[in-house]
Amino acid sequence: MVGRWSTMTRNRSCCVARKATATSQTGAFSIGLDLREDGVITDTTEGMPAALAGIGPGMKLVAVNSRQYTPEVLRDALKAGRTGTAPLELLVENTDYYKTYKLDLPRWGALPTSGTR
C-alpha cells in the first residue's frame, strides 16, 4: 500500500499526531516528522531528514512544495518525491519567522538492481 498514514496517540489528553510515512513494495519510509492535523510538529526522529534539516517540535508546517499543508498534500509529496529528483520543500513557521527547508529523500531508483551485488 502506498501513502499509508499511521495515527498515534501522543499524550493523555488524546492529542492525535500523524507520522509522515508511506509504504511501498520496497518497505516503509519516513522523513521522521510527527505532526498534528493542523501542522504543528510534535516530534522529530533523530537522524531522519526533518531533524537533520533543523526542524523541531513546536514549529508548524505551513506548506509542502509551495502548496498549503494538509495531510494529503504531504502524503502525495512524499510519494512523488521518492521517484523524482527535486528535494521535498517544507515551509515551516517558527514563532514569527518562516523558513523553507529542502529535504533530500532516498530515491527508489537508487536501490541496487537484482543483477548488482
PDB file of N, CA and C in Angstrom:
ATOM      1  N   MET A   1       0.848  -1.171   0.000  1.00  0.00           N
ATOM      2  CA  MET A   1       0.000   0.000   0.000  1.00  0.00           C
ATOM      3  C   MET A   1       0.894   1.233   0.000  1.00  0.00           C
ATOM      4  N   VAL A   2       0.671   2.159  -0.880  1.00  0.00           N
ATOM      5  CA  VAL A   2       1.473   3.370  -0.978  1.00  0.00           C
ATOM      6  C   VAL A   2       0.731   4.508  -0.315  1.00  0.00           C
ATOM      7  N   GLY A   3       1.443   5.331   0.458  1.00  0.00           N
ATOM      8  CA  GLY A   3       0.858   6.528   1.044  1.00  0.00           C
ATOM      9  C   GLY A   3       0.052   6.287   2.296  1.00  0.00           C
ATOM     10  N   ARG A   4       0.365   5.263   3.084  1.00  0.00           N
ATOM     11  CA  ARG A   4      -0.370   4.993   4.301  1.00  0.00           C
ATOM     12  C   ARG A   4       0.077   5.946   5.399  1.00  0.00           C
ATOM     13  N   TRP A   5      -0.875   6.492   6.139  1.00  0.00           N
ATOM     14  CA  TRP A   5      -0.570   7.344   7.286  1.00  0.00           C
ATOM     15  C   TRP A   5      -0.868   6.560   8.534  1.00  0.00           C
ATOM     16  N   SER A   6       0.032   6.569   9.496  1.00  0.00           N
ATOM     17  CA  SER A   6      -0.239   5.914  10.759  1.00  0.00           C
ATOM     18  C   SER A   6      -0.629   6.974  11.784  1.00  0.00           C
ATOM     19  N   THR A   7      -1.579   6.634  12.640  1.00  0.00           N
ATOM     20  CA  THR A   7      -2.042   7.554  13.661  1.00  0.00           C
ATOM     21  C   THR A   7      -1.542   7.074  15.006  1.00  0.00           C
ATOM     22  N   MET A   8      -1.071   8.004  15.827  1.00  0.00           N
ATOM     23  CA  MET A   8      -0.544   7.649  17.137  1.00  0.00           C
ATOM     24  C   MET A   8      -1.127   8.590  18.184  1.00  0.00           C
ATOM     25  N   THR A   9      -1.411   8.081  19.376  1.00  0.00           N
ATOM     26  CA  THR A   9      -1.814   8.934  20.482  1.00  0.00           C
ATOM     27  C   THR A   9      -0.544   9.402  21.165  1.00  0.00           C
ATOM     28  N   ARG A  10      -0.399  10.714  21.340  1.00  0.00           N
ATOM     29  CA  ARG A  10       0.854  11.270  21.834  1.00  0.00           C
ATOM     30  C   ARG A  10       0.843  11.589  23.331  1.00  0.00           C
ATOM     31  N   ASN A  11      -0.320  11.793  23.959  1.00  0.00           N
ATOM     32  CA  ASN A  11      -0.331  12.086  25.388  1.00  0.00           C
ATOM     33  C   ASN A  11      -1.694  11.747  25.981  1.00  0.00           C
ATOM     34  N   ARG A  12      -1.846  11.923  27.301  1.00  0.00           N
ATOM     35  CA  ARG A  12      -3.077  11.546  27.976  1.00  0.00           C
ATOM     36  C   ARG A  12      -4.283  12.363  27.537  1.00  0.00           C
ATOM     37  N   SER A  13      -4.099  13.549  27.016  1.00  0.00           N
ATOM     38  CA  SER A  13      -5.224  14.370  26.586  1.00  0.00           C
ATOM     39  C   SER A  13      -5.731  13.937  25.211  1.00  0.00           C
ATOM     40  N   CYS A  14      -5.211  12.818  24.726  1.00  0.00           N
ATOM     41  CA  CYS A  14      -5.648  12.234  23.450  1.00  0.00           C
ATOM     42  C   CYS A  14      -5.391  13.144  22.264  1.00  0.00           C
ATOM     43  N   CYS A  15      -4.340  13.935  22.344  1.00  0.00           N
ATOM     44  CA  CYS A  15      -3.925  14.730  21.183  1.00  0.00           C
ATOM     45  C   CYS A  15      -3.396  13.747  20.143  1.00  0.00           C
ATOM     46  N   VAL A  16      -3.981  13.751  18.975  1.00  0.00           N
ATOM     47  CA  VAL A  16      -3.586  12.792  17.950  1.00  0.00           C
ATOM     48  C   VAL A  16      -2.572  13.432  17.019  1.00  0.00           C
ATOM     49  N   ALA A  17      -1.486  12.748  16.821  1.00  0.00           N
ATOM     50  CA  ALA A  17      -0.448  13.214  15.897  1.00  0.00           C
ATOM     51  C   ALA A  17      -0.381  12.246  14.733  1.00  0.00           C
ATOM     52  N   ARG A  18       0.083  12.740  13.619  1.00  0.00           N
ATOM     53  CA  ARG A  18       0.255  11.889  12.444  1.00  0.00           C
ATOM     54  C   ARG A  18       1.740  11.790  12.137  1.00  0.00           C
ATOM     55  N   LYS A  19       2.144  10.614  11.788  1.00  0.00           N
ATOM     56  CA  LYS A  19       3.530  10.387  11.406  1.00  0.00           C
ATOM     57  C   LYS A  19       3.580  10.336   9.891  1.00  0.00           C
ATOM     58  N   ALA A  20       4.434  11.142   9.327  1.00  0.00           N
ATOM     59  CA  ALA A  20       4.554  11.201   7.874  1.00  0.00           C
ATOM     60  C   ALA A  20       5.297   9.977   7.379  1.00  0.00           C
ATOM     61  N   THR A  21       4.552   8.955   6.988  1.00  0.00           N
ATOM     62  CA  THR A  21       5.145   7.734   6.464  1.00  0.00           C
ATOM     63  C   THR A  21       4.366   7.269   5.253  1.00  0.00           C
ATOM     64  N   ALA A  22       4.999   6.520   4.438  1.00  0.00           N
ATOM     65  CA  ALA A  22       4.350   5.865   3.309  1.00  0.00           C
ATOM     66  C   ALA A  22       5.002   4.513   3.137  1.00  0.00           C
ATOM     67  N   THR A  23       4.297   3.610   2.492  1.00  0.00           N
ATOM     68  CA  THR A  23       4.862   2.287   2.273  1.00  0.00           C
ATOM     69  C   THR A  23       4.818   1.957   0.796  1.00  0.00           C
ATOM     70  N   SER A  24       5.641   1.033   0.426  1.00  0.00           N
ATOM     71  CA  SER A  24       5.691   0.578  -0.961  1.00  0.00           C
ATOM     72  C   SER A  24       6.099  -0.876  -0.958  1.00  0.00           C
ATOM     73  N   GLN A  25       6.316  -1.409  -2.125  1.00  0.00           N
ATOM     74  CA  GLN A  25       6.769  -2.788  -2.225  1.00  0.00           C
ATOM     75  C   GLN A  25       8.173  -2.946  -1.673  1.00  0.00           C
ATOM     76  N   THR A  26       8.931  -1.858  -1.564  1.00  0.00           N
ATOM     77  CA  THR A  26      10.293  -1.932  -1.035  1.00  0.00           C
ATOM     78  C   THR A  26      10.338  -1.665   0.456  1.00  0.00           C
ATOM     79  N   GLY A  27       9.207  -1.367   1.097  1.00  0.00           N
ATOM     80  CA  GLY A  27       9.173  -1.137   2.524  1.00  0.00           C
ATOM     81  C   GLY A  27       8.692   0.252   2.877  1.00  0.00           C
ATOM     82  N   ALA A  28       8.713   0.582   4.165  1.00  0.00           N
ATOM     83  CA  ALA A  28       8.222   1.867   4.655  1.00  0.00           C
ATOM     84  C   ALA A  28       9.320   2.914   4.581  1.00  0.00           C
ATOM     85  N   PHE A  29       8.914   4.174   4.437  1.00  0.00           N
ATOM     86  CA  PHE A  29       9.872   5.275   4.505  1.00  0.00           C
ATOM     87  C   PHE A  29       9.216   6.424   5.245  1.00  0.00           C
ATOM     88  N   SER A  30      10.034   7.297   5.808  1.00  0.00           N
ATOM     89  CA  SER A  30       9.551   8.408   6.604  1.00  0.00           C
ATOM     90  C   SER A  30      10.565   9.532   6.553  1.00  0.00           C
ATOM     91  N   ILE A  31      10.095  10.771   6.787  1.00  0.00           N
ATOM     92  CA  ILE A  31      11.024  11.887   6.924  1.00  0.00           C
ATOM     93  C   ILE A  31      11.293  12.162   8.399  1.00  0.00           C
ATOM     94  N   GLY A  32      10.706  11.346   9.296  1.00  0.00           N
ATOM     95  CA  GLY A  32      10.961  11.478  10.718  1.00  0.00           C
ATOM     96  C   GLY A  32      10.218  12.633  11.356  1.00  0.00           C
ATOM     97  N   LEU A  33       9.000  12.879  10.920  1.00  0.00           N
ATOM     98  CA  LEU A  33       8.234  14.033  11.370  1.00  0.00           C
ATOM     99  C   LEU A  33       6.890  13.578  11.912  1.00  0.00           C
ATOM    100  N   ASP A  34       6.595  13.899  13.175  1.00  0.00           N
ATOM    101  CA  ASP A  34       5.281  13.652  13.762  1.00  0.00           C
ATOM    102  C   ASP A  34       4.587  14.992  13.894  1.00  0.00           C
ATOM    103  N   LEU A  35       3.341  15.076  13.418  1.00  0.00           N
ATOM    104  CA  LEU A  35       2.652  16.354  13.466  1.00  0.00           C
ATOM    105  C   LEU A  35       1.159  16.161  13.652  1.00  0.00           C
ATOM    106  N   ARG A  36       0.530  17.217  14.158  1.00  0.00           N
ATOM    107  CA  ARG A  36      -0.911  17.226  14.338  1.00  0.00           C
ATOM    108  C   ARG A  36      -1.588  17.551  13.021  1.00  0.00           C
ATOM    109  N   GLU A  37      -2.890  17.378  12.995  1.00  0.00           N
ATOM    110  CA  GLU A  37      -3.689  17.654  11.800  1.00  0.00           C
ATOM    111  C   GLU A  37      -3.505  19.101  11.321  1.00  0.00           C
ATOM    112  N   ASP A  38      -3.304  20.045  12.264  1.00  0.00           N
ATOM    113  CA  ASP A  38      -3.147  21.461  11.907  1.00  0.00           C
ATOM    114  C   ASP A  38      -1.722  21.829  11.495  1.00  0.00           C
ATOM    115  N   GLY A  39      -0.817  20.848  11.457  1.00  0.00           N
ATOM    116  CA  GLY A  39       0.548  21.085  11.002  1.00  0.00           C
ATOM    117  C   GLY A  39       1.557  21.364  12.101  1.00  0.00           C
ATOM    118  N   VAL A  40       1.117  21.454  13.362  1.00  0.00           N
ATOM    119  CA  VAL A  40       2.060  21.681  14.454  1.00  0.00           C
ATOM    120  C   VAL A  40       2.897  20.418  14.646  1.00  0.00           C
ATOM    121  N   ILE A  41       4.206  20.606  14.667  1.00  0.00           N
ATOM    122  CA  ILE A  41       5.131  19.486  14.783  1.00  0.00           C
ATOM    123  C   ILE A  41       5.276  19.108  16.248  1.00  0.00           C
ATOM    124  N   THR A  42       4.980  17.840  16.550  1.00  0.00           N
ATOM    125  CA  THR A  42       5.034  17.377  17.931  1.00  0.00           C
ATOM    126  C   THR A  42       6.329  16.656  18.259  1.00  0.00           C
ATOM    127  N   ASP A  43       6.991  16.107  17.232  1.00  0.00           N
ATOM    128  CA  ASP A  43       8.239  15.389  17.485  1.00  0.00           C
ATOM    129  C   ASP A  43       8.960  15.144  16.167  1.00  0.00           C
ATOM    130  N   THR A  44      10.261  14.957  16.237  1.00  0.00           N
ATOM    131  CA  THR A  44      11.056  14.531  15.092  1.00  0.00           C
ATOM    132  C   THR A  44      11.904  13.347  15.527  1.00  0.00           C
ATOM    133  N   THR A  45      12.349  12.572  14.570  1.00  0.00           N
ATOM    134  CA  THR A  45      13.176  11.410  14.848  1.00  0.00           C
ATOM    135  C   THR A  45      14.624  11.746  14.529  1.00  0.00           C
ATOM    136  N   GLU A  46      15.476  11.592  15.525  1.00  0.00           N
ATOM    137  CA  GLU A  46      16.897  11.894  15.354  1.00  0.00           C
ATOM    138  C   GLU A  46      17.487  11.076  14.214  1.00  0.00           C
ATOM    139  N   GLY A  47      18.264  11.750  13.378  1.00  0.00           N
ATOM    140  CA  GLY A  47      18.929  11.084  12.264  1.00  0.00           C
ATOM    141  C   GLY A  47      18.103  11.007  10.993  1.00  0.00           C
ATOM    142  N   MET A  48      16.845  11.418  11.053  1.00  0.00           N
ATOM    143  CA  MET A  48      15.973  11.381   9.880  1.00  0.00           C
ATOM    144  C   MET A  48      16.016  12.745   9.186  1.00  0.00           C
ATOM    145  N   PRO A  49      15.561  12.838   7.914  1.00  0.00           N
ATOM    146  CA  PRO A  49      15.704  14.076   7.147  1.00  0.00           C
ATOM    147  C   PRO A  49      15.171  15.340   7.821  1.00  0.00           C
ATOM    148  N   ALA A  50      14.009  15.296   8.477  1.00  0.00           N
ATOM    149  CA  ALA A  50      13.451  16.502   9.099  1.00  0.00           C
ATOM    150  C   ALA A  50      14.356  17.017  10.217  1.00  0.00           C
ATOM    151  N   ALA A  51      14.787  16.125  11.104  1.00  0.00           N
ATOM    152  CA  ALA A  51      15.653  16.534  12.208  1.00  0.00           C
ATOM    153  C   ALA A  51      17.018  16.990  11.704  1.00  0.00           C
ATOM    154  N   LEU A  52      17.560  16.302  10.720  1.00  0.00           N
ATOM    155  CA  LEU A  52      18.857  16.692  10.166  1.00  0.00           C
ATOM    156  C   LEU A  52      18.809  18.077   9.529  1.00  0.00           C
ATOM    157  N   ALA A  53      17.640  18.455   9.011  1.00  0.00           N
ATOM    158  CA  ALA A  53      17.488  19.777   8.393  1.00  0.00           C
ATOM    159  C   ALA A  53      17.327  20.886   9.429  1.00  0.00           C
ATOM    160  N   GLY A  54      17.020  20.520  10.676  1.00  0.00           N
ATOM    161  CA  GLY A  54      16.852  21.520  11.725  1.00  0.00           C
ATOM    162  C   GLY A  54      15.411  21.771  12.122  1.00  0.00           C
ATOM    163  N   ILE A  55      14.480  20.968  11.642  1.00  0.00           N
ATOM    164  CA  ILE A  55      13.071  21.102  12.010  1.00  0.00           C
ATOM    165  C   ILE A  55      12.876  20.448  13.372  1.00  0.00           C
ATOM    166  N   GLY A  56      12.084  21.097  14.245  1.00  0.00           N
ATOM    167  CA  GLY A  56      11.896  20.567  15.581  1.00  0.00           C
ATOM    168  C   GLY A  56      10.499  20.765  16.122  1.00  0.00           C
ATOM    169  N   PRO A  57      10.227  20.141  17.265  1.00  0.00           N
ATOM    170  CA  PRO A  57       8.919  20.253  17.908  1.00  0.00           C
ATOM    171  C   PRO A  57       8.561  21.714  18.201  1.00  0.00           C
ATOM    172  N   GLY A  58       7.268  22.019  18.079  1.00  0.00           N
ATOM    173  CA  GLY A  58       6.784  23.368  18.329  1.00  0.00           C
ATOM    174  C   GLY A  58       6.696  24.217  17.081  1.00  0.00           C
ATOM    175  N   MET A  59       7.407  23.833  16.040  1.00  0.00           N
ATOM    176  CA  MET A  59       7.299  24.537  14.764  1.00  0.00           C
ATOM    177  C   MET A  59       5.999  24.107  14.091  1.00  0.00           C
ATOM    178  N   LYS A  60       5.600  24.818  13.030  1.00  0.00           N
ATOM    179  CA  LYS A  60       4.368  24.488  12.327  1.00  0.00           C
ATOM    180  C   LYS A  60       4.645  24.372  10.834  1.00  0.00           C
ATOM    181  N   LEU A  61       4.221  23.258  10.252  1.00  0.00           N
ATOM    182  CA  LEU A  61       4.342  23.055   8.815  1.00  0.00           C
ATOM    183  C   LEU A  61       3.238  23.841   8.119  1.00  0.00           C
ATOM    184  N   VAL A  62       3.628  24.775   7.260  1.00  0.00           N
ATOM    185  CA  VAL A  62       2.684  25.674   6.595  1.00  0.00           C
ATOM    186  C   VAL A  62       2.418  25.233   5.158  1.00  0.00           C
ATOM    187  N   ALA A  63       3.466  24.822   4.437  1.00  0.00           N
ATOM    188  CA  ALA A  63       3.310  24.454   3.037  1.00  0.00           C
ATOM    189  C   ALA A  63       4.295  23.352   2.666  1.00  0.00           C
ATOM    190  N   VAL A  64       3.901  22.571   1.660  1.00  0.00           N
ATOM    191  CA  VAL A  64       4.725  21.483   1.129  1.00  0.00           C
ATOM    192  C   VAL A  64       4.837  21.690  -0.376  1.00  0.00           C
ATOM    193  N   ASN A  65       6.058  21.873  -0.847  1.00  0.00           N
ATOM    194  CA  ASN A  65       6.292  22.114  -2.286  1.00  0.00           C
ATOM    195  C   ASN A  65       5.379  23.220  -2.815  1.00  0.00           C
ATOM    196  N   SER A  66       5.314  24.320  -2.093  1.00  0.00           N
ATOM    197  CA  SER A  66       4.544  25.528  -2.459  1.00  0.00           C
ATOM    198  C   SER A  66       3.028  25.344  -2.411  1.00  0.00           C
ATOM    199  N   ARG A  67       2.554  24.274  -1.809  1.00  0.00           N
ATOM    200  CA  ARG A  67       1.115  24.063  -1.635  1.00  0.00           C
ATOM    201  C   ARG A  67       0.788  24.110  -0.148  1.00  0.00           C
ATOM    202  N   GLN A  68      -0.353  24.715   0.210  1.00  0.00           N
ATOM    203  CA  GLN A  68      -0.759  24.797   1.611  1.00  0.00           C
ATOM    204  C   GLN A  68      -0.800  23.401   2.216  1.00  0.00           C
ATOM    205  N   TYR A  69      -0.263  23.269   3.433  1.00  0.00           N
ATOM    206  CA  TYR A  69      -0.189  21.969   4.085  1.00  0.00           C
ATOM    207  C   TYR A  69      -1.570  21.383   4.382  1.00  0.00           C
ATOM    208  N   THR A  70      -1.745  20.159   4.022  1.00  0.00           N
ATOM    209  CA  THR A  70      -2.784  19.265   4.520  1.00  0.00           C
ATOM    210  C   THR A  70      -2.105  17.910   4.621  1.00  0.00           C
ATOM    211  N   PRO A  71      -2.626  16.993   5.411  1.00  0.00           N
ATOM    212  CA  PRO A  71      -2.010  15.664   5.459  1.00  0.00           C
ATOM    213  C   PRO A  71      -1.930  15.004   4.081  1.00  0.00           C
ATOM    214  N   GLU A  72      -2.941  15.231   3.255  1.00  0.00           N
ATOM    215  CA  GLU A  72      -2.957  14.630   1.926  1.00  0.00           C
ATOM    216  C   GLU A  72      -1.875  15.220   1.024  1.00  0.00           C
ATOM    217  N   VAL A  73      -1.666  16.545   1.117  1.00  0.00           N
ATOM    218  CA  VAL A  73      -0.627  17.197   0.307  1.00  0.00           C
ATOM    219  C   VAL A  73       0.747  16.646   0.689  1.00  0.00           C
ATOM    220  N   LEU A  74       1.000  16.485   1.983  1.00  0.00           N
ATOM    221  CA  LEU A  74       2.285  15.943   2.421  1.00  0.00           C
ATOM    222  C   LEU A  74       2.438  14.497   1.961  1.00  0.00           C
ATOM    223  N   ARG A  75       1.414  13.697   2.121  1.00  0.00           N
ATOM    224  CA  ARG A  75       1.467  12.296   1.692  1.00  0.00           C
ATOM    225  C   ARG A  75       1.767  12.202   0.195  1.00  0.00           C
ATOM    226  N   ASP A  76       1.057  13.000  -0.600  1.00  0.00           N
ATOM    227  CA  ASP A  76       1.275  12.974  -2.050  1.00  0.00           C
ATOM    228  C   ASP A  76       2.684  13.429  -2.423  1.00  0.00           C
ATOM    229  N   ALA A  77       3.200  14.430  -1.717  1.00  0.00           N
ATOM    230  CA  ALA A  77       4.557  14.916  -1.987  1.00  0.00           C
ATOM    231  C   ALA A  77       5.598  13.860  -1.611  1.00  0.00           C
ATOM    232  N   LEU A  78       5.361  13.127  -0.530  1.00  0.00           N
ATOM    233  CA  LEU A  78       6.284  12.059  -0.143  1.00  0.00           C
ATOM    234  C   LEU A  78       6.307  10.967  -1.209  1.00  0.00           C
ATOM    235  N   LYS A  79       5.135  10.589  -1.688  1.00  0.00           N
ATOM    236  CA  LYS A  79       5.081   9.558  -2.727  1.00  0.00           C
ATOM    237  C   LYS A  79       5.788  10.030  -3.991  1.00  0.00           C
ATOM    238  N   ALA A  80       5.508  11.250  -4.423  1.00  0.00           N
ATOM    239  CA  ALA A  80       6.120  11.785  -5.646  1.00  0.00           C
ATOM    240  C   ALA A  80       7.623  11.972  -5.473  1.00  0.00           C
ATOM    241  N   GLY A  81       8.048  12.374  -4.299  1.00  0.00           N
ATOM    242  CA  GLY A  81       9.461  12.638  -4.045  1.00  0.00           C
ATOM    243  C   GLY A  81      10.336  11.408  -4.061  1.00  0.00           C
ATOM    244  N   ARG A  82       9.748  10.260  -3.837  1.00  0.00           N
ATOM    245  CA  ARG A  82      10.540   9.033  -3.820  1.00  0.00           C
ATOM    246  C   ARG A  82      11.053   8.641  -5.201  1.00  0.00           C
ATOM    247  N   THR A  83      10.383   9.117  -6.248  1.00  0.00           N
ATOM    248  CA  THR A  83      10.822   8.763  -7.598  1.00  0.00           C
ATOM    249  C   THR A  83      11.325   9.972  -8.382  1.00  0.00           C
ATOM    250  N   GLY A  84      11.124  11.177  -7.858  1.00  0.00           N
ATOM    251  CA  GLY A  84      11.564  12.384  -8.547  1.00  0.00           C
ATOM    252  C   GLY A  84      12.996  12.737  -8.209  1.00  0.00           C
ATOM    253  N   THR A  85      13.432  13.887  -8.720  1.00  0.00           N
ATOM    254  CA  THR A  85      14.808  14.315  -8.475  1.00  0.00           C
ATOM    255  C   THR A  85      14.882  15.559  -7.600  1.00  0.00           C
ATOM    256  N   ALA A  86      13.780  16.311  -7.476  1.00  0.00           N
ATOM    257  CA  ALA A  86      13.779  17.553  -6.691  1.00  0.00           C
ATOM    258  C   ALA A  86      13.645  17.229  -5.204  1.00  0.00           C
ATOM    259  N   PRO A  87      14.253  18.050  -4.347  1.00  0.00           N
ATOM    260  CA  PRO A  87      14.088  17.835  -2.912  1.00  0.00           C
ATOM    261  C   PRO A  87      12.661  18.169  -2.478  1.00  0.00           C
ATOM    262  N   LEU A  88      12.255  17.642  -1.342  1.00  0.00           N
ATOM    263  CA  LEU A  88      10.972  17.968  -0.737  1.00  0.00           C
ATOM    264  C   LEU A  88      11.137  19.315  -0.041  1.00  0.00           C
ATOM    265  N   GLU A  89      10.310  20.303  -0.377  1.00  0.00           N
ATOM    266  CA  GLU A  89      10.415  21.634   0.226  1.00  0.00           C
ATOM    267  C   GLU A  89       9.299  21.833   1.238  1.00  0.00           C
ATOM    268  N   LEU A  90       9.687  22.146   2.472  1.00  0.00           N
ATOM    269  CA  LEU A  90       8.739  22.375   3.552  1.00  0.00           C
ATOM    270  C   LEU A  90       8.870  23.813   4.037  1.00  0.00           C
ATOM    271  N   LEU A  91       7.776  24.573   3.988  1.00  0.00           N
ATOM    272  CA  LEU A  91       7.752  25.917   4.558  1.00  0.00           C
ATOM    273  C   LEU A  91       7.282  25.770   5.994  1.00  0.00           C
ATOM    274  N   VAL A  92       8.131  26.184   6.932  1.00  0.00           N
ATOM    275  CA  VAL A  92       7.876  25.975   8.344  1.00  0.00           C
ATOM    276  C   VAL A  92       7.858  27.309   9.077  1.00  0.00           C
ATOM    277  N   GLU A  93       6.879  27.480   9.955  1.00  0.00           N
ATOM    278  CA  GLU A  93       6.767  28.662  10.808  1.00  0.00           C
ATOM    279  C   GLU A  93       7.387  28.345  12.160  1.00  0.00           C
ATOM    280  N   ASN A  94       8.224  29.252  12.638  1.00  0.00           N
ATOM    281  CA  ASN A  94       8.840  29.119  13.955  1.00  0.00           C
ATOM    282  C   ASN A  94       8.691  30.470  14.641  1.00  0.00           C
ATOM    283  N   THR A  95       7.742  30.585  15.544  1.00  0.00           N
ATOM    284  CA  THR A  95       7.312  31.846  16.165  1.00  0.00           C
ATOM    285  C   THR A  95       6.891  32.817  15.071  1.00  0.00           C
ATOM    286  N   ASP A  96       7.563  33.931  14.898  1.00  0.00           N
ATOM    287  CA  ASP A  96       7.190  34.921  13.885  1.00  0.00           C
ATOM    288  C   ASP A  96       8.017  34.807  12.608  1.00  0.00           C
ATOM    289  N   TYR A  97       8.779  33.744  12.457  1.00  0.00           N
ATOM    290  CA  TYR A  97       9.671  33.588  11.316  1.00  0.00           C
ATOM    291  C   TYR A  97       9.271  32.387  10.467  1.00  0.00           C
ATOM    292  N   TYR A  98       9.539  32.485   9.160  1.00  0.00           N
ATOM    293  CA  TYR A  98       9.265  31.404   8.221  1.00  0.00           C
ATOM    294  C   TYR A  98      10.571  31.012   7.537  1.00  0.00           C
ATOM    295  N   LYS A  99      10.710  29.712   7.294  1.00  0.00           N
ATOM    296  CA  LYS A  99      11.905  29.227   6.616  1.00  0.00           C
ATOM    297  C   LYS A  99      11.518  28.038   5.736  1.00  0.00           C
ATOM    298  N   THR A 100      12.110  27.983   4.546  1.00  0.00           N
ATOM    299  CA  THR A 100      11.905  26.839   3.664  1.00  0.00           C
ATOM    300  C   THR A 100      13.059  25.865   3.866  1.00  0.00           C
ATOM    301  N   TYR A 101      12.710  24.630   4.191  1.00  0.00           N
ATOM    302  CA  TYR A 101      13.684  23.553   4.361  1.00  0.00           C
ATOM    303  C   TYR A 101      13.592  22.644   3.143  1.00  0.00           C
ATOM    304  N   LYS A 102      14.740  22.278   2.597  1.00  0.00           N
ATOM    305  CA  LYS A 102      14.787  21.366   1.453  1.00  0.00           C
ATOM    306  C   LYS A 102      15.353  20.033   1.929  1.00  0.00           C
ATOM    307  N   LEU A 103      14.517  19.005   1.854  1.00  0.00           N
ATOM    308  CA  LEU A 103      14.910  17.685   2.336  1.00  0.00           C
ATOM    309  C   LEU A 103      15.184  16.768   1.148  1.00  0.00           C
ATOM    310  N   ASP A 104      16.355  16.176   1.137  1.00  0.00           N
ATOM    311  CA  ASP A 104      16.675  15.179   0.117  1.00  0.00           C
ATOM    312  C   ASP A 104      16.172  13.832   0.619  1.00  0.00           C
ATOM    313  N   LEU A 105      15.399  13.160  -0.217  1.00  0.00           N
ATOM    314  CA  LEU A 105      14.851  11.855   0.130  1.00  0.00           C
ATOM    315  C   LEU A 105      15.619  10.770  -0.589  1.00  0.00           C
ATOM    316  N   PRO A 106      15.798   9.604   0.057  1.00  0.00           N
ATOM    317  CA  PRO A 106      16.373   8.482  -0.681  1.00  0.00           C
ATOM    318  C   PRO A 106      15.432   8.123  -1.824  1.00  0.00           C
ATOM    319  N   ARG A 107      15.962   7.833  -2.976  1.00  0.00           N
ATOM    320  CA  ARG A 107      15.146   7.558  -4.162  1.00  0.00           C
ATOM    321  C   ARG A 107      15.029   6.053  -4.391  1.00  0.00           C
ATOM    322  N   TRP A 108      13.863   5.621  -4.811  1.00  0.00           N
ATOM    323  CA  TRP A 108      13.691   4.209  -5.146  1.00  0.00           C
ATOM    324  C   TRP A 108      14.608   3.811  -6.272  1.00  0.00           C
ATOM    325  N   GLY A 109      14.826   4.694  -7.223  1.00  0.00           N
ATOM    326  CA  GLY A 109      15.691   4.388  -8.346  1.00  0.00           C
ATOM    327  C   GLY A 109      17.138   4.168  -7.940  1.00  0.00           C
ATOM    328  N   ALA A 110      17.516   4.603  -6.732  1.00  0.00           N
ATOM    329  CA  ALA A 110      18.886   4.458  -6.270  1.00  0.00           C
ATOM    330  C   ALA A 110      19.159   3.073  -5.684  1.00  0.00           C
ATOM    331  N   LEU A 111      18.118   2.250  -5.541  1.00  0.00           N
ATOM    332  CA  LEU A 111      18.309   0.921  -4.972  1.00  0.00           C
ATOM    333  C   LEU A 111      19.005   0.029  -5.997  1.00  0.00           C
ATOM    334  N   PRO A 112      19.855  -0.896  -5.513  1.00  0.00           N
ATOM    335  CA  PRO A 112      20.552  -1.783  -6.454  1.00  0.00           C
ATOM    336  C   PRO A 112      19.547  -2.684  -7.181  1.00  0.00           C
ATOM    337  N   THR A 113      19.880  -3.017  -8.419  1.00  0.00           N
ATOM    338  CA  THR A 113      19.043  -3.938  -9.182  1.00  0.00           C
ATOM    339  C   THR A 113      19.380  -5.354  -8.808  1.00  0.00           C
ATOM    340  N   SER A 114      18.560  -6.293  -9.236  1.00  0.00           N
ATOM    341  CA  SER A 114      18.769  -7.687  -8.857  1.00  0.00           C
ATOM    342  C   SER A 114      20.100  -8.231  -9.390  1.00  0.00           C
ATOM    343  N   GLY A 115      20.641  -7.664 -10.463  1.00  0.00           N
ATOM    344  CA  GLY A 115      21.908  -8.136 -11.021  1.00  0.00           C
ATOM    345  C   GLY A 115      23.129  -7.530 -10.374  1.00  0.00           C
ATOM    346  N   THR A 116      22.958  -6.575  -9.431  1.00  0.00           N
ATOM    347  CA  THR A 116      24.075  -5.890  -8.790  1.00  0.00           C
ATOM    348  C   THR A 116      24.363  -6.517  -7.437  1.00  0.00           C
ATOM    349  N   ARG A 117      25.636  -6.687  -7.100  1.00  0.00           N
ATOM    350  CA  ARG A 117      25.982  -7.246  -5.783  1.00  0.00           C
ATOM    351  C   ARG A 117      26.849  -6.310  -5.042  1.00  0.00           C
TER     352      ARG A 117
END
